[in-house]
Protein backbone atom coordinates (compact mmCIF):
# COMPACT_ATOMS: atom_id res chain seq x y z
CA UNK A 1 88.74 -61.60 6.00
CA UNK A 2 85.22 -62.80 6.62
CA UNK A 3 84.76 -60.07 9.19
CA UNK A 4 85.70 -57.39 6.68
CA UNK A 5 83.24 -58.81 4.12
CA UNK A 6 80.43 -58.84 6.69
CA UNK A 7 81.12 -55.23 7.69
CA UNK A 8 81.18 -54.19 4.05
CA UNK A 9 77.84 -55.90 3.38
CA UNK A 10 76.29 -54.29 6.44
CA UNK A 11 77.58 -50.90 5.35
CA UNK A 12 76.22 -51.36 1.81
CA UNK A 13 72.85 -52.47 3.17
CA UNK A 14 72.73 -49.43 5.43
CA UNK A 15 73.49 -47.15 2.50
CA UNK A 16 70.80 -48.83 0.38
CA UNK A 17 68.30 -48.55 3.21
CA UNK A 18 69.02 -44.87 3.71
CA UNK A 19 68.79 -44.24 -0.01
CA UNK A 20 65.49 -46.12 -0.13
CA UNK A 21 64.08 -44.09 2.73
CA UNK A 22 65.18 -40.82 1.16
CA UNK A 23 63.72 -41.86 -2.20
CA UNK A 24 60.47 -42.96 -0.60
CA UNK A 25 60.09 -39.67 1.23
CA UNK A 26 60.79 -37.71 -1.94
CA UNK A 27 58.28 -39.82 -3.88
CA UNK A 28 55.69 -39.48 -1.12
CA UNK A 29 56.09 -35.68 -0.98
CA UNK A 30 55.79 -35.46 -4.75
CA UNK A 31 52.61 -37.56 -4.80
CA UNK A 32 51.06 -35.57 -1.95
CA UNK A 33 51.85 -32.31 -3.75
CA UNK A 34 50.31 -33.61 -6.97
CA UNK A 35 47.27 -34.88 -5.10
CA UNK A 36 46.51 -31.56 -3.47
CA UNK A 37 47.37 -29.68 -6.67
CA UNK A 38 44.82 -31.68 -8.64
CA UNK A 39 42.20 -31.89 -5.89
CA UNK A 40 39.17 -29.63 -6.52
CA UNK A 41 36.90 -28.39 -3.74
CA UNK A 42 33.37 -29.84 -3.82
CA UNK A 43 30.84 -27.79 -5.82
CA UNK A 44 28.72 -25.33 -3.85
CA UNK A 45 24.94 -25.72 -4.03
CA UNK A 46 23.17 -22.60 -5.32
CA UNK A 47 19.90 -21.59 -6.92
CA UNK A 48 19.88 -19.97 -10.31
CA UNK A 49 17.66 -17.91 -12.59
CA UNK A 50 17.72 -17.24 -16.30
CA UNK A 51 18.20 -13.64 -17.37
CA UNK A 52 15.22 -12.47 -19.46
CA UNK A 53 14.09 -9.34 -21.25
CA UNK A 54 10.60 -8.62 -19.99
CA UNK A 55 7.96 -5.95 -20.21
CA UNK A 56 8.65 -3.57 -17.34
CA UNK A 57 5.80 -1.74 -15.63
CA UNK A 58 7.46 1.22 -13.92
CA UNK A 59 5.79 2.87 -10.98
CA UNK A 60 6.16 5.62 -8.43
CA UNK A 61 6.10 4.33 -4.85
CA UNK A 62 4.64 6.46 -2.10
CA UNK A 63 3.14 6.35 1.38
CA UNK A 64 -0.45 7.47 1.77
CA UNK A 65 -3.26 7.94 4.25
CA UNK A 66 -6.81 6.73 3.65
CA UNK A 67 -10.00 8.64 4.24
CA UNK A 68 -13.58 7.89 3.32
CA UNK A 69 -14.85 9.40 0.10
CA UNK A 70 -17.83 10.45 2.24
CA UNK A 71 -16.91 10.77 5.88
CA UNK A 72 -17.81 13.27 8.59
CA UNK A 73 -17.84 13.79 12.33
CA UNK A 74 -21.58 14.19 12.91
CA UNK A 75 -22.50 17.19 15.06
CA UNK A 76 -25.75 18.84 16.10
CA UNK A 77 -26.69 22.26 14.73
CA UNK A 78 -28.64 23.44 17.75
CA UNK A 79 -28.40 22.89 21.48
CA UNK A 80 -30.77 20.86 23.60
CA UNK A 81 -31.37 17.80 25.76
CA UNK A 82 -30.81 14.41 24.12
CA UNK A 83 -34.16 12.63 23.99
CA UNK A 84 -33.12 9.44 22.18
CA UNK A 85 -30.13 7.84 20.45
CA UNK A 86 -31.37 5.69 17.58
CA UNK A 87 -28.22 3.83 16.56
CA UNK A 88 -25.68 1.31 17.80
CA UNK A 89 -21.90 1.32 17.17
CA UNK A 90 -20.85 0.03 13.73
CA UNK A 91 -24.43 -0.01 12.48
CA UNK A 92 -25.14 0.36 8.77
CA UNK A 93 -27.38 3.38 8.37
CA UNK A 94 -29.39 4.48 5.35
CA UNK A 95 -29.45 8.10 4.20
CA UNK A 96 -32.12 10.16 5.98
CA UNK A 97 -32.35 7.93 9.07
CA UNK A 98 -32.88 9.89 12.32
CA UNK A 99 -29.84 9.13 14.47
CA UNK A 100 -30.32 11.48 17.43
CA UNK A 101 -33.47 13.21 18.59
CA UNK A 102 -33.26 16.28 20.83
CA UNK A 103 -36.17 17.32 23.04
CA UNK A 104 -38.49 19.41 20.86
CA UNK A 105 -41.63 19.56 23.02
CA UNK A 106 -41.55 23.37 23.21
CA UNK A 107 -40.99 23.64 19.47
CA UNK A 108 -43.90 21.27 18.78
CA UNK A 109 -46.14 23.53 20.90
CA UNK A 110 -44.90 26.57 18.99
CA UNK A 111 -45.69 24.74 15.75
CA UNK A 112 -49.28 24.07 16.84
CA UNK A 113 -49.69 27.77 17.73
CA UNK A 114 -48.26 28.93 14.41
CA UNK A 115 -50.40 26.46 12.46
CA UNK A 116 -53.52 27.93 14.13
CA UNK A 117 -52.34 31.40 13.12
CA UNK A 118 -51.83 30.19 9.55
CA UNK A 119 -55.37 28.81 9.38
CA UNK A 120 -56.79 32.09 10.69
CA UNK A 121 -54.69 34.09 8.23
CA UNK A 122 -55.83 31.83 5.37
CA UNK A 123 -59.49 32.34 6.34
CA UNK A 124 -59.08 36.15 6.58
CA UNK A 125 -57.23 36.20 3.26
CA UNK A 126 -59.91 34.15 1.47
CA UNK A 127 -62.73 36.33 2.92
CA UNK A 128 -61.03 39.58 1.95
CA UNK A 129 -60.28 38.21 -1.52
CA UNK A 130 -63.93 37.41 -2.14
CA UNK A 131 -65.07 40.78 -0.82
CA UNK A 132 -62.46 42.62 -2.85
CA UNK A 133 -63.55 40.80 -6.00
CA UNK A 134 -67.12 42.09 -5.40
CA UNK A 135 -65.86 45.58 -4.72
CA UNK A 136 -67.08 45.53 -1.13
CA UNK A 137 -63.78 45.43 0.78
CA UNK A 138 -61.00 47.92 0.38
CA UNK A 139 -57.91 46.91 -1.59
CA UNK A 140 -55.71 47.85 1.38
CA UNK A 141 -57.49 45.34 3.63
CA UNK A 142 -56.93 42.57 1.08
CA UNK A 143 -53.23 43.35 0.83
CA UNK A 144 -52.90 43.48 4.62
CA UNK A 145 -54.49 40.02 4.98
CA UNK A 146 -52.28 38.70 2.19
CA UNK A 147 -49.15 39.92 3.99
CA UNK A 148 -50.39 38.47 7.29
CA UNK A 149 -50.81 35.06 5.64
CA UNK A 150 -47.27 35.19 4.20
CA UNK A 151 -45.88 36.11 7.65
CA UNK A 152 -47.73 33.26 9.35
CA UNK A 153 -46.50 30.75 6.80
CA UNK A 154 -42.91 32.00 7.21
CA UNK A 155 -43.20 31.58 10.99
CA UNK A 156 -44.46 28.03 10.46
CA UNK A 157 -41.53 27.24 8.15
CA UNK A 158 -39.08 28.62 10.73
CA UNK A 159 -40.49 26.49 13.56
CA UNK A 160 -40.47 23.40 11.32
CA UNK A 161 -36.79 24.11 10.47
CA UNK A 162 -35.89 24.27 14.17
CA UNK A 163 -37.73 20.99 14.79
CA UNK A 164 -35.94 19.42 11.83
CA UNK A 165 -32.55 20.56 13.20
CA UNK A 166 -33.27 18.78 16.48
CA UNK A 167 -33.60 15.49 14.59
CA UNK A 168 -30.04 14.66 13.44
CA UNK A 169 -30.29 12.60 10.23
CA UNK A 170 -27.74 10.57 8.28
CA UNK A 171 -26.47 12.75 5.39
CA UNK A 172 -25.64 9.63 3.34
CA UNK A 173 -25.57 5.86 3.71
CA UNK A 174 -22.69 4.50 5.74
CA UNK A 175 -21.41 3.05 9.02
CA UNK A 176 -21.70 5.01 12.23
CA UNK A 177 -19.21 4.75 15.07
CA UNK A 178 -19.36 4.91 18.85
CA UNK A 179 -21.80 7.48 20.29
CA UNK A 180 -20.09 10.38 22.10
CA UNK A 181 -23.22 11.55 23.92
CA UNK A 182 -25.78 10.09 26.38
CA UNK A 183 -29.56 10.27 26.70
CA UNK A 184 -30.61 13.16 28.94
CA UNK A 185 -27.37 15.07 28.36
CA UNK A 186 -27.58 18.74 27.43
CA UNK A 187 -25.35 19.43 24.43
CA UNK A 188 -24.21 22.65 22.83
CA UNK A 189 -24.42 23.46 19.10
CA UNK A 190 -21.52 21.77 17.29
CA UNK A 191 -21.17 18.88 19.76
CA UNK A 192 -19.84 15.79 17.94
CA UNK A 193 -22.23 12.85 18.16
CA UNK A 194 -20.25 10.11 16.38
CA UNK A 195 -17.99 9.40 13.43
CA UNK A 196 -19.92 8.54 10.28
CA UNK A 197 -18.11 6.96 7.30
CA UNK A 198 -19.09 5.52 3.94
CA UNK A 199 -16.51 2.73 3.51
CA UNK A 200 -17.65 1.61 0.04
CA UNK A 201 -15.11 3.94 -1.58
CA UNK A 202 -11.95 5.47 -0.13
CA UNK A 203 -9.77 8.43 -0.97
CA UNK A 204 -6.00 8.11 -0.57
CA UNK A 205 -3.82 11.17 0.01
CA UNK A 206 -0.10 10.82 -0.74
CA UNK A 207 2.85 12.82 -2.03
CA UNK A 208 5.41 12.30 -4.81
CA UNK A 209 8.81 13.96 -5.36
CA UNK A 210 8.72 17.07 -7.49
CA UNK A 211 10.90 15.37 -10.17
CA UNK A 212 8.26 12.65 -10.66
CA UNK A 213 5.15 14.81 -10.39
CA UNK A 214 5.12 15.43 -14.16
CA UNK A 215 4.53 11.68 -14.68
CA UNK A 216 1.36 11.68 -12.59
CA UNK A 217 -1.79 12.32 -14.64
CA UNK A 218 -5.47 12.48 -13.77
CA UNK A 219 -7.11 9.09 -14.27
CA UNK A 220 -3.80 7.23 -13.91
CA UNK A 221 -4.03 3.81 -12.28
CA UNK A 222 -2.81 3.36 -8.72
CA UNK A 223 -2.38 0.24 -6.60
CA UNK A 224 -2.94 0.34 -2.88
CA UNK A 225 -2.33 -2.03 0.01
CA UNK A 226 -1.53 -2.16 3.70
CA UNK A 227 1.70 -4.14 3.13
CA UNK A 228 4.60 -3.30 0.86
CA UNK A 229 4.60 -5.54 -2.20
CA UNK A 230 1.00 -6.65 -1.56
CA UNK A 231 -1.23 -4.08 -3.27
CA UNK A 232 -4.58 -5.77 -4.01
CA UNK A 233 -6.70 -2.63 -4.35
CA UNK A 234 -6.88 -0.62 -7.57
CA UNK A 235 -7.91 2.99 -8.02
CA UNK A 236 -7.13 6.06 -10.07
CA UNK A 237 -5.79 9.57 -9.56
CA UNK A 238 -8.49 12.21 -9.13
CA UNK A 239 -6.42 15.24 -8.17
CA UNK A 240 -2.93 16.74 -8.04
CA UNK A 241 -1.82 19.98 -6.43
CA UNK A 242 -0.64 22.58 -8.96
CA UNK A 243 2.27 23.58 -6.71
CA UNK A 244 5.31 22.08 -4.98
CA UNK A 245 5.53 22.36 -1.21
CA UNK A 246 8.63 24.56 -0.75
CA UNK A 247 9.41 22.92 2.61
CA UNK A 248 9.27 19.27 1.57
CA UNK A 249 9.75 19.57 -2.23
CA UNK A 250 6.80 17.22 -2.63
CA UNK A 251 3.56 17.42 -4.61
CA UNK A 252 0.28 16.31 -3.02
CA UNK A 253 -1.80 13.77 -4.97
CA UNK A 254 -5.20 12.24 -4.26
CA UNK A 255 -6.57 8.95 -5.60
CA UNK A 256 -9.83 7.09 -5.09
CA UNK A 257 -10.41 3.36 -4.56
CA UNK A 258 -14.02 2.78 -5.56
CA UNK A 259 -14.25 -0.88 -4.53
CA UNK A 260 -13.26 -1.18 -0.88
CA UNK A 261 -14.23 -4.83 -0.43
CA UNK A 262 -15.60 -5.64 3.04
CA UNK A 263 -14.23 -2.35 4.39
CA UNK A 264 -10.66 -3.69 4.29
CA UNK A 265 -9.28 -0.14 4.13
CA UNK A 266 -10.23 2.10 7.04
CA UNK A 267 -10.13 5.91 7.25
CA UNK A 268 -6.84 7.15 8.67
CA UNK A 269 -5.02 3.93 7.77
CA UNK A 270 -1.36 3.93 6.70
CA UNK A 271 -1.09 2.66 3.10
CA UNK A 272 1.52 1.76 0.51
CA UNK A 273 0.77 3.30 -2.89
CA UNK A 274 2.13 2.71 -6.39
CA UNK A 275 1.29 4.98 -9.30
CA UNK A 276 1.44 2.77 -12.40
CA UNK A 277 3.32 4.28 -15.34
CA UNK A 278 3.24 3.18 -19.03
CA UNK A 279 4.85 -0.20 -19.80
CA UNK A 280 8.36 -0.46 -21.26
CA UNK A 281 9.29 -3.50 -23.42
CA UNK A 282 12.58 -5.46 -23.50
CA UNK A 283 13.92 -4.52 -20.08
CA UNK A 284 16.55 -6.91 -18.68
CA UNK A 285 15.71 -7.90 -15.11
CA UNK A 286 17.00 -10.24 -12.41
CA UNK A 287 15.86 -10.90 -8.83
CA UNK A 288 17.34 -8.45 -6.35
CA UNK A 289 18.88 -11.41 -4.51
CA UNK A 290 21.12 -12.11 -7.53
CA UNK A 291 22.97 -8.77 -7.29
CA UNK A 292 25.78 -8.26 -4.77
CA UNK A 293 26.92 -4.77 -3.79
CA UNK A 294 30.59 -4.19 -3.02
CA UNK A 295 33.04 -1.31 -2.74
CA UNK A 296 33.98 -1.89 -6.36
CA UNK A 297 30.43 -1.92 -7.68
CA UNK A 298 27.49 -4.26 -8.18
CA UNK A 299 28.13 -7.72 -9.59
CA UNK A 300 26.50 -11.08 -10.23
CA UNK A 301 27.80 -14.63 -10.54
CA UNK A 302 27.10 -15.99 -14.03
CA UNK A 303 27.08 -19.77 -14.38
CA UNK A 304 29.16 -21.12 -17.28
CA UNK A 305 30.22 -24.56 -18.51
CA UNK A 306 33.94 -25.39 -18.29
CA UNK A 307 36.05 -28.50 -18.84
CA UNK A 308 38.17 -29.55 -15.86
CA UNK A 309 40.05 -32.82 -15.48
CA UNK A 310 38.41 -34.16 -18.60
CA UNK A 311 34.80 -33.46 -17.50
CA UNK A 312 32.32 -30.60 -17.88
CA UNK A 313 31.58 -28.63 -14.71
CA UNK A 314 29.54 -25.54 -13.92
CA UNK A 315 31.62 -22.57 -12.82
CA UNK A 316 30.60 -19.24 -11.26
CA UNK A 317 32.09 -16.22 -13.03
CA UNK A 318 32.00 -12.80 -11.41
CA UNK A 319 30.51 -10.15 -13.72
CA UNK A 320 30.10 -6.47 -12.79
CA UNK A 321 26.77 -4.93 -13.83
CA UNK A 322 25.12 -1.53 -13.92
CA UNK A 323 21.76 -1.55 -12.16
CA UNK A 324 18.68 0.60 -12.62
CA UNK A 325 15.22 0.66 -11.09
CA UNK A 326 13.80 -1.68 -8.47
CA UNK A 327 10.26 -2.94 -8.10
CA UNK A 328 8.65 -5.82 -6.20
CA UNK A 329 11.88 -7.75 -5.65
CA UNK A 330 13.07 -7.30 -9.24
CA UNK A 331 16.06 -5.22 -10.34
CA UNK A 332 16.66 -3.69 -13.76
CA UNK A 333 20.06 -4.41 -15.34
CA UNK A 334 21.26 -1.68 -17.69
CA UNK A 335 24.51 -3.34 -18.77
CA UNK A 336 26.82 -6.24 -17.95
CA UNK A 337 24.73 -9.32 -18.75
CA UNK A 338 22.50 -10.35 -21.64
CA UNK A 339 19.25 -12.31 -21.93
CA UNK A 340 19.77 -16.06 -21.90
CA UNK A 341 22.58 -16.06 -19.35
CA UNK A 342 22.13 -17.97 -16.12
CA UNK A 343 23.03 -16.24 -12.86
CA UNK A 344 23.14 -17.32 -9.24
CA UNK A 345 20.02 -16.21 -7.36
CA UNK A 346 21.05 -17.34 -3.86
CA UNK A 347 24.01 -18.96 -2.15
CA UNK A 348 26.57 -16.34 -3.26
CA UNK A 349 27.99 -16.03 0.25
CA UNK A 350 29.74 -19.38 -0.28
CA UNK A 351 31.22 -18.49 -3.67
CA UNK A 352 34.32 -16.95 -5.10
CA UNK A 353 35.21 -16.32 -8.71
CA UNK A 354 35.87 -19.56 -10.56
CA UNK A 355 34.25 -21.82 -7.97
CA UNK A 356 32.33 -24.87 -9.18
CA UNK A 357 28.64 -24.91 -8.41
CA UNK A 358 25.72 -27.30 -8.26
CA UNK A 359 22.27 -25.96 -9.09
CA UNK A 360 19.29 -26.85 -6.91
CA UNK A 361 16.11 -24.95 -7.82
CA UNK A 362 13.66 -26.94 -5.74
CA UNK A 363 12.85 -23.68 -3.90
CA UNK A 364 12.26 -20.57 -5.99
CA UNK A 365 13.82 -17.78 -3.92
CA UNK A 366 12.31 -15.16 -6.22
CA UNK A 367 8.89 -16.02 -4.77
CA UNK A 368 9.79 -15.91 -1.09
CA UNK A 369 7.91 -13.35 0.98
CA UNK A 370 9.26 -11.35 3.90
CA UNK A 371 8.74 -14.27 6.30
CA UNK A 372 10.99 -16.54 4.22
CA UNK A 373 8.14 -18.80 3.06
CA UNK A 374 7.35 -19.42 -0.55
CA UNK A 375 4.01 -18.23 -1.86
CA UNK A 376 1.29 -20.70 -1.00
CA UNK A 377 3.18 -22.35 1.87
């Protein structure tokens, strides 16, 4: 009897133990499921920017080539032996300075001979004039002496012109380059001596698409620089071709930069050019980094407040937008978002729609340059 009671108790305890284990496992699975169902991923750290309606300054971007407003390749007009070179490379030269002197010894001797002939012709002319006025000399003799004087003076002027051509002078003030000739060298007419440039003002030649050429006017402001997005020099349009190149469908334009500080722009240099167009008010813009391009279109992540688990959190909402023009890291938004909204400026690669975010704007990504450093760093 006792044995049967003991077996029964053991059996009941075993059943209770099994039931307890099964119940515990079910409870544990339920709690784990609820835990993971209610668990939210940690918020992603992003930077943000407020959408604003600003005054937009549209522009036409182009690539140009610089040349000096006054710039030439200096060459001699006549041939001869180089007697002296009166300049050094990169020397500032004033207008009228003799840069190269060719040997003119023979011409100087010819000048002395002609000057003697002029003096003799002047004396004969004056004597015949006095005699003619008294009625002593014939009128024909006076006219002959007068013609001889004119011929002698013309010969003197010709010799002086040849001598002047053998002294190569600076046609304007500027900077002269490396000499291409040597002392004692015989050079032919047209031989280039050196490059001579006035760097105080520069002309910039560039082209614009035929569709935009109508927006380019004489006197219109242009901005010029050697790096894209960094255009410190200002100028204005001075010319535009009245025709479209049928091969390239482009229109040639020329601008002038009148204040080339310290010769920062050099002739022949590759330049970035922006033709500034009239301002447009109330244009919605965001940094280009805020817009993501996908197969379905362009979109941004707008940051909104939402209540989750009894507390307010910031959530990223995906919003598709229609974009417009771009300029200096800024993108025009035609539709999709409105001024006052806050959008993610960087960190989108970690986001998905509905994800919670944490804003950290200690670094303004809208002011980063191409090297990844903020302005001033």
